[in-house]
Protein backbone atom coordinates (compact mmCIF):
# COMPACT_ATOMS: atom_id res chain seq x y z
CA MET A 1 0.24 -0.15 0.21
CA PRO A 2 1.52 3.57 -1.20
CA ASP A 3 1.53 6.50 1.48
CA VAL A 4 0.36 8.89 -1.17
CA ILE A 5 -1.23 8.42 -4.18
CA VAL A 6 -1.33 11.12 -6.66
CA VAL A 7 -3.94 11.62 -9.42
CA GLY A 8 -2.14 12.74 -12.55
CA ALA A 9 1.04 13.25 -14.06
CA GLY A 10 1.32 16.72 -15.49
CA PHE A 11 3.27 19.56 -13.62
CA ALA A 12 0.98 19.35 -10.24
CA GLY A 13 0.90 15.71 -10.03
CA SER A 14 4.73 15.59 -10.99
CA VAL A 15 6.18 17.62 -8.61
CA MET A 16 3.97 16.59 -5.56
CA ALA A 17 4.99 13.52 -6.15
CA ARG A 18 8.67 14.53 -6.04
CA LEU A 19 8.44 16.12 -3.00
CA PHE A 20 6.68 13.19 -0.84
CA ALA A 21 9.08 10.89 -2.45
CA ASP A 22 11.45 13.03 -0.90
CA ASP A 23 10.33 13.03 2.11
CA GLN A 24 10.74 9.49 2.20
CA LYS A 25 7.35 8.13 1.31
CA ARG A 26 6.12 5.78 -1.22
CA VAL A 27 3.96 7.39 -3.55
CA LEU A 28 1.74 5.89 -6.35
CA VAL A 29 0.72 8.13 -9.50
CA LEU A 30 -1.77 7.01 -11.83
CA GLU A 31 -2.40 8.79 -15.00
CA LYS A 32 -5.37 8.62 -17.70
CA ARG A 33 -3.73 8.92 -20.37
CA ASN A 34 -0.27 6.52 -22.08
CA HIS A 35 2.11 9.38 -21.20
CA ILE A 36 3.42 11.34 -18.25
CA GLY A 37 3.44 15.46 -18.68
CA GLY A 38 0.36 16.19 -19.26
CA ASN A 39 -0.53 18.46 -21.60
CA CYS A 40 3.24 19.61 -21.92
CA TYR A 41 4.12 16.23 -23.58
CA GLU A 42 5.89 16.14 -26.68
CA GLU A 43 5.92 13.73 -29.87
CA LYS A 44 8.20 13.93 -32.89
CA MET A 45 7.46 14.30 -36.76
CA ASN A 46 10.00 13.61 -39.36
CA GLY A 47 12.44 14.35 -36.33
CA ILE A 48 10.97 17.94 -35.18
CA ARG A 49 9.96 17.86 -31.88
CA TYR A 50 6.17 19.48 -31.30
CA HIS A 51 3.86 20.09 -28.37
CA LEU A 52 1.13 17.48 -28.46
CA TYR A 53 -1.30 19.58 -26.97
CA GLY A 54 -0.51 23.18 -28.12
CA PRO A 55 3.04 25.19 -26.93
CA HIS A 56 4.20 25.70 -23.67
CA ILE A 57 6.94 28.39 -22.87
CA PHE A 58 8.37 28.47 -19.60
CA HIS A 59 8.74 32.02 -18.04
CA THR A 60 7.89 33.05 -14.02
CA LYS A 61 8.89 35.44 -11.77
CA SER A 62 10.15 33.27 -9.32
CA GLU A 63 13.32 32.48 -7.82
CA LEU A 64 12.28 29.20 -6.75
CA VAL A 65 10.42 27.77 -8.82
CA LYS A 66 13.52 28.60 -11.50
CA ASP A 67 15.63 27.17 -9.23
CA PHE A 68 13.62 23.86 -8.78
CA VAL A 69 12.89 23.23 -12.37
CA ARG A 70 16.32 23.47 -13.26
CA GLY A 71 17.12 20.73 -10.78
CA TYR A 72 15.51 18.35 -13.37
CA GLY A 73 17.37 19.21 -16.89
CA ASP A 74 18.85 21.48 -18.81
CA TRP A 75 17.35 24.92 -19.96
CA TYR A 76 18.26 27.46 -22.41
CA PHE A 77 17.15 30.96 -22.23
CA TYR A 78 14.30 31.78 -24.82
CA GLU A 79 12.21 34.69 -25.11
CA HIS A 80 9.15 34.33 -26.78
CA ARG A 81 7.61 37.00 -29.83
CA VAL A 82 4.44 36.97 -30.93
CA LEU A 83 3.47 38.40 -34.44
CA GLY A 84 -0.14 38.99 -34.99
CA LYS A 85 -1.74 40.16 -38.25
CA ILE A 86 -3.60 43.02 -38.20
CA ASP A 87 -4.81 45.00 -41.27
CA GLY A 88 -2.63 42.52 -43.60
CA ARG A 89 0.44 43.52 -42.08
CA LEU A 90 2.39 41.42 -39.31
CA VAL A 91 2.96 43.62 -35.52
CA PRO A 92 4.17 42.64 -32.80
CA ILE A 93 1.83 41.48 -29.92
CA PRO A 94 1.36 42.35 -27.82
CA PHE A 95 0.84 46.12 -28.99
CA ASN A 96 3.93 48.35 -28.84
CA PHE A 97 5.52 51.51 -30.12
CA GLN A 98 6.70 49.78 -33.29
CA SER A 99 3.03 47.84 -34.05
CA ILE A 100 2.00 51.76 -34.48
CA GLU A 101 5.04 52.74 -36.24
CA ILE A 102 3.36 49.75 -38.72
CA LEU A 103 -0.46 50.34 -38.93
CA PHE A 104 -0.78 54.02 -38.57
CA SER A 105 0.74 57.38 -41.12
CA LYS A 106 4.11 58.82 -39.43
CA GLU A 107 2.68 61.95 -37.97
CA LYS A 108 -0.69 59.54 -36.56
CA ALA A 109 1.71 57.16 -34.52
CA GLU A 110 3.70 60.12 -33.46
CA GLU A 111 0.76 61.48 -32.22
CA ILE A 112 0.04 58.21 -30.29
CA LYS A 113 3.15 57.85 -28.68
CA SER A 114 3.17 61.21 -27.57
CA ARG A 115 0.22 60.69 -25.73
CA LEU A 116 0.69 58.08 -24.28
CA LEU A 117 3.79 59.02 -22.78
CA ALA A 118 1.88 61.87 -21.51
CA TYR A 119 0.12 59.57 -19.24
CA TYR A 120 2.05 56.28 -18.83
CA GLU A 121 6.23 55.52 -18.03
CA MET A 122 8.45 54.18 -21.13
CA ASP A 123 8.60 50.48 -21.09
CA SER A 124 5.63 50.22 -18.42
CA LYS A 125 2.47 47.82 -19.36
CA VAL A 126 -1.70 48.80 -19.61
CA SER A 127 -4.49 47.54 -19.88
CA ILE A 128 -6.63 48.41 -23.19
CA MET A 129 -9.46 48.71 -20.79
CA ASP A 130 -7.65 51.60 -19.35
CA LEU A 131 -7.30 53.28 -22.86
CA LYS A 132 -10.77 52.45 -23.50
CA ASN A 133 -11.96 54.52 -20.67
CA SER A 134 -9.44 57.47 -21.06
CA GLU A 135 -9.75 61.00 -20.66
CA ASP A 136 -7.89 61.83 -23.57
CA ALA A 137 -9.20 61.36 -26.41
CA VAL A 138 -6.20 60.38 -29.07
CA LEU A 139 -6.05 57.15 -26.60
CA ARG A 140 -9.65 56.45 -26.43
CA GLU A 141 -9.62 56.58 -30.25
CA PHE A 142 -6.29 54.24 -30.02
CA GLY A 143 -7.87 51.77 -27.21
CA GLU A 144 -11.16 51.18 -29.65
CA TYR A 145 -8.98 50.73 -32.50
CA VAL A 146 -6.52 47.97 -30.25
CA PHE A 147 -9.46 46.27 -28.64
CA ASP A 148 -11.26 46.00 -32.25
CA ARG A 149 -8.60 44.67 -34.48
CA VAL A 150 -6.48 42.51 -31.55
CA PHE A 151 -9.13 41.63 -28.79
CA LEU A 152 -12.89 41.82 -29.92
CA HIS A 153 -12.93 38.92 -32.62
CA TYR A 154 -10.31 37.04 -31.54
CA THR A 155 -11.99 36.36 -28.21
CA ALA A 156 -15.54 35.30 -29.83
CA LYS A 157 -13.49 33.01 -31.70
CA GLN A 158 -11.55 31.14 -28.90
CA TRP A 159 -14.39 32.14 -25.73
CA ASN A 160 -17.61 31.63 -28.06
CA THR A 161 -19.31 34.43 -26.37
CA ASP A 162 -19.53 37.98 -26.68
CA ILE A 163 -16.64 39.49 -25.10
CA SER A 164 -18.78 41.77 -22.47
CA ASN A 165 -19.43 37.92 -20.75
CA VAL A 166 -14.98 37.26 -20.71
CA ASP A 167 -13.10 37.70 -17.61
CA THR A 168 -11.55 40.83 -17.58
CA SER A 169 -8.47 39.07 -16.25
CA VAL A 170 -8.59 37.36 -19.82
CA ILE A 171 -8.29 40.62 -21.63
CA ASN A 172 -5.88 41.83 -19.49
CA ARG A 173 -3.40 39.37 -20.11
CA VAL A 174 -2.08 41.41 -23.14
CA PRO A 175 -1.99 45.20 -22.62
CA VAL A 176 -0.22 47.61 -24.40
CA VAL A 177 3.40 47.81 -24.39
CA ILE A 178 4.82 51.69 -23.59
CA GLY A 179 7.76 51.58 -25.15
CA TYR A 180 9.77 49.10 -27.56
CA ASP A 181 9.62 45.64 -26.02
CA ASP A 182 8.51 43.09 -28.32
CA ARG A 183 8.75 40.45 -25.98
CA TYR A 184 5.37 38.10 -25.53
CA PHE A 185 6.36 37.97 -21.67
CA SER A 186 7.97 40.42 -19.37
CA ASP A 187 9.08 37.76 -16.45
CA ALA A 188 12.55 37.67 -14.79
CA TYR A 189 13.19 34.15 -16.04
CA GLN A 190 12.18 33.23 -19.65
CA MET A 191 13.78 29.71 -20.96
CA MET A 192 12.88 26.21 -22.70
CA PRO A 193 14.26 22.36 -21.71
CA LYS A 194 17.07 21.89 -24.02
CA ASN A 195 16.18 18.24 -24.73
CA GLY A 196 12.24 19.04 -23.91
CA TYR A 197 9.44 18.93 -21.47
CA ASN A 198 8.87 14.63 -21.66
CA GLN A 199 13.06 14.60 -20.08
CA ILE A 200 12.09 17.03 -17.25
CA PHE A 201 9.34 14.85 -16.32
CA GLU A 202 11.45 11.81 -16.48
CA ASN A 203 13.60 13.10 -13.88
CA LEU A 204 10.77 14.73 -11.74
CA LEU A 205 9.68 11.10 -11.67
CA GLN A 206 12.36 9.11 -11.19
CA SER A 207 12.80 7.82 -7.94
CA PRO A 208 12.45 4.49 -6.14
CA LEU A 209 9.69 5.67 -4.41
CA ILE A 210 7.32 6.69 -7.28
CA THR A 211 5.08 4.27 -8.74
CA VAL A 212 3.79 5.30 -12.49
CA GLN A 213 0.98 3.33 -13.83
CA LEU A 214 0.00 4.94 -17.05
CA GLY A 215 -3.65 4.48 -18.77
CA VAL A 216 -5.34 3.81 -15.19
CA ASP A 217 -8.59 5.80 -14.87
CA ALA A 218 -7.89 6.25 -11.17
CA LYS A 219 -12.08 5.88 -10.62
CA GLU A 220 -11.40 2.59 -11.31
CA ARG A 221 -9.18 2.16 -8.49
CA LEU A 222 -10.19 5.09 -5.88
CA GLN A 223 -14.00 4.90 -3.87
CA PHE A 224 -15.21 8.03 -2.44
CA ARG A 225 -17.81 7.17 0.18
CA ASN A 226 -19.27 8.48 3.43
CA GLY A 227 -15.95 10.61 4.23
CA LYS A 228 -13.55 7.98 3.40
CA ILE A 229 -11.71 7.03 0.53
CA TYR A 230 -10.64 3.31 -0.39
CA TYR A 231 -7.73 2.41 -2.95
CA GLN A 232 -8.91 -1.13 -4.51
CA GLY A 233 -11.62 -1.83 -1.64
CA LYS A 234 -9.45 -0.94 0.98
CA GLU A 235 -9.42 2.01 3.49
CA PHE A 236 -6.87 4.10 2.75
CA LEU A 237 -5.46 6.75 5.14
CA GLY A 238 -2.99 8.63 3.62
CA HIS A 239 -3.05 11.97 1.36
CA VAL A 240 -4.68 11.59 -2.25
CA ILE A 241 -3.51 14.18 -4.46
CA TYR A 242 -6.02 14.73 -7.24
CA THR A 243 -4.90 17.15 -9.89
CA GLY A 244 -7.99 15.76 -12.66
CA ALA A 245 -11.26 17.67 -13.08
CA LEU A 246 -13.28 17.55 -10.26
CA ASP A 247 -16.36 17.27 -11.75
CA ALA A 248 -15.66 14.14 -13.11
CA LEU A 249 -14.38 12.88 -9.89
CA PHE A 250 -18.00 13.29 -8.73
CA ASP A 251 -19.90 11.91 -11.82
CA TYR A 252 -21.16 15.56 -12.70
CA HIS A 253 -23.28 15.40 -10.51
CA TYR A 254 -24.12 18.44 -10.61
CA GLY A 255 -23.72 19.07 -13.80
CA ALA A 256 -20.22 19.33 -16.27
CA LEU A 257 -18.17 22.83 -15.77
CA PRO A 258 -17.98 24.50 -18.54
CA TYR A 259 -14.30 24.46 -20.74
CA ARG A 260 -13.19 25.57 -24.55
CA SER A 261 -11.22 23.03 -25.71
CA LEU A 262 -9.42 22.93 -28.82
CA ASP A 263 -8.85 21.32 -32.57
CA LEU A 264 -5.38 20.90 -32.90
CA LYS A 265 -4.12 20.53 -36.75
CA PHE A 266 -0.24 19.91 -37.29
CA THR A 267 1.32 20.18 -40.43
CA TYR A 268 4.86 19.02 -41.64
CA LEU A 269 6.00 21.57 -44.67
CA ASP A 270 8.56 20.46 -46.56
CA MET A 271 10.19 23.99 -46.13
CA ASN A 272 12.96 25.14 -43.73
CA TYR A 273 10.62 28.06 -42.27
CA TYR A 274 7.15 28.93 -42.65
CA GLN A 275 6.12 32.20 -40.89
CA PRO A 276 8.48 34.78 -39.29
CA SER A 277 8.52 33.97 -35.50
CA ALA A 278 7.58 31.05 -33.10
CA VAL A 279 3.28 32.17 -33.00
CA VAL A 280 1.45 34.62 -35.57
CA ASN A 281 -2.14 35.65 -34.15
CA TYR A 282 -5.02 35.32 -36.27
CA PRO A 283 -7.66 37.92 -34.55
CA ASN A 284 -9.62 38.63 -37.65
CA GLU A 285 -9.38 36.95 -40.71
CA GLU A 286 -9.03 33.03 -40.10
CA ASP A 287 -11.36 30.43 -38.33
CA PHE A 288 -8.12 29.10 -36.42
CA THR A 289 -6.71 32.09 -33.93
CA ARG A 290 -3.03 31.14 -33.90
CA ILE A 291 -0.20 29.38 -35.75
CA THR A 292 3.08 27.89 -33.87
CA GLU A 293 6.15 26.78 -35.54
CA PHE A 294 8.01 24.67 -33.00
CA LYS A 295 11.27 25.12 -34.87
CA TYR A 296 12.02 28.27 -33.41
CA LEU A 297 10.54 27.02 -29.54
CA SER A 298 13.07 23.59 -29.80
CA ARG A 299 15.91 25.53 -31.40
CA GLU A 300 16.21 22.61 -34.09
CA HIS A 301 17.65 24.73 -36.62
CA PHE A 302 19.26 21.65 -37.94
CA GLN A 303 16.13 19.74 -39.16
CA LYS A 304 15.19 19.27 -42.41
CA GLY A 305 11.59 20.78 -42.85
CA THR A 306 8.90 22.49 -40.42
CA VAL A 307 6.11 21.05 -38.67
CA ILE A 308 3.18 23.91 -37.64
CA LEU A 309 -0.07 23.44 -35.40
CA LYS A 310 -3.20 25.63 -35.95
CA GLU A 311 -5.24 25.93 -33.42
CA TYR A 312 -9.25 25.97 -34.00
CA PRO A 313 -11.12 26.49 -30.43
CA LEU A 314 -14.07 24.03 -29.92
CA THR A 315 -16.64 24.34 -26.89
CA TYR A 316 -16.31 21.29 -24.72
CA ASP A 317 -17.58 18.12 -24.25
CA TYR A 318 -17.10 15.61 -21.62
CA GLN A 319 -19.28 13.08 -23.36
CA LYS A 320 -17.06 13.20 -26.93
CA LYS A 321 -13.96 12.83 -24.87
CA MET A 322 -12.42 16.23 -25.48
CA ILE A 323 -9.77 17.45 -23.86
CA PRO A 324 -10.84 20.42 -20.81
CA TYR A 325 -8.19 23.54 -21.79
CA TYR A 326 -9.50 26.42 -20.66
CA ALA A 327 -12.22 27.00 -17.49
CA ILE A 328 -14.85 29.40 -18.30
CA LEU A 329 -14.77 31.93 -15.22
CA ASN A 330 -17.62 33.57 -14.35
CA ASP A 331 -20.14 33.68 -11.52
CA GLN A 332 -22.18 30.97 -12.52
CA ASN A 333 -19.62 28.34 -13.37
CA LEU A 334 -17.58 29.27 -10.19
CA ALA A 335 -20.90 29.04 -8.23
CA LEU A 336 -21.00 25.16 -9.65
CA TYR A 337 -17.65 24.70 -9.00
CA GLN A 338 -17.63 25.44 -5.23
CA LYS A 339 -20.62 22.97 -5.22
CA TYR A 340 -17.85 20.39 -6.12
CA GLU A 341 -15.40 21.80 -4.03
CA GLN A 342 -17.82 21.03 -1.06
CA GLU A 343 -17.78 17.59 -1.62
CA ALA A 344 -14.50 17.24 -1.67
CA LYS A 345 -14.19 18.68 1.58
CA LYS A 346 -15.89 16.05 2.89
CA TYR A 347 -12.94 13.78 2.40
CA PRO A 348 -10.04 15.55 4.49
CA GLN A 349 -7.27 13.63 3.08
CA LEU A 350 -8.13 14.50 -0.77
CA ILE A 351 -5.88 17.90 -1.68
CA LEU A 352 -6.75 19.76 -4.91
CA CYS A 353 -4.32 20.58 -6.87
CA GLY A 354 -4.09 22.52 -10.58
CA ARG A 355 -5.87 23.97 -13.51
CA LEU A 356 -8.20 21.26 -13.66
CA ALA A 357 -8.64 20.29 -9.88
CA GLU A 358 -9.17 23.52 -8.88
CA TYR A 359 -11.27 25.21 -11.89
CA LYS A 360 -8.44 28.31 -12.62
CA TYR A 361 -6.30 29.35 -15.14
CA TYR A 362 -2.82 28.52 -14.50
CA ASP A 363 0.40 28.87 -16.19
CA MET A 364 2.94 26.50 -16.03
CA ASP A 365 5.20 28.24 -13.20
CA ALA A 366 2.08 29.02 -11.85
CA VAL A 367 1.16 25.22 -11.01
CA ILE A 368 4.60 24.06 -10.26
CA LEU A 369 4.73 27.09 -7.20
CA ARG A 370 0.95 25.70 -6.16
CA ALA A 371 2.21 22.82 -5.62
CA LEU A 372 5.33 23.29 -3.68
CA THR A 373 3.12 25.76 -1.36
CA MET A 374 0.54 23.40 -1.08
CA TYR A 375 3.10 20.29 0.13
CA GLU A 376 4.89 22.79 2.68
CA GLN A 377 0.91 23.29 3.90
CA ILE A 378 0.38 19.57 4.04
CA GLU A 379 3.67 18.79 5.70
CA GLY A 380 2.98 21.45 8.20
CA MET A 381 -0.20 20.11 9.16
């Protein structure tokens, strides 16, 4: 009998498993898929490494998280840059002074830049909503332009809803940059794993005290009855770290939690490079939201050919075995999640950790920090 059972082998589960194993606990990891790594899992097409569940770019402000992941593999410095096709031209996203200079006349661009600098400091970032509501008419007009060209139609595609229904935190994830910084992220630590994410997860789970079982639905092994957890019919007294969808754990008793999913179309092309940056966003014209070219991420410049990915948003349907990518955060859905959370609280050993289990949007570094913090809380109980 293990001391700890971890459900899911993505970052939340793998980090937790490693921490418990380092504390000399016997850990059993149950993973429903046939591979570890969660949505960071990678495969190869004609020798080129690509991310099976969409691009994952590692960035963090946390020195703790940076030091932790560096302990499980080699990483190289990588700053992510994104272009967007706006009015037929490719411009940096987030919008910055270069974007303005490309899309506007010289006179208009100088006016917009001078008005921005009158209100905001150089190299700062400003919410598009702040610009839309500015007291300055030039900035209001500029804010409306960026909102319409960059956010409005992209958001409608991504979330399949009117933008008024989208949480403002989603919109504010991509601000306007006051200056020429064209990096997509400004975090202090930005990097990619030299040998891919798969190796990072293999190293995380490489311990004589960790047993990983793939292709296993945890619900076939675990039963939850009257405040007690049973493993294969026997009462289990250790911690169960659950990183999967919480509505699935309780058989969708209150209804399915809404998510957005993705239809991912990968293509191998017999050319060196397809586009001028790792990611190009298509807010307006296309049915897909963006194209990723993975050679920019993996630095496999020596490889012939290239692999691209087009992402088409989908409405999530758990009955069709779709993957839940993005929680749709609104008051109604959070109230539904809280019903499941109350069910989970009936089982004191059950620890919820990660995007699906907590019904939150976490970047990779936030998931790792959450696991590190939660482990310390558990040990302090």
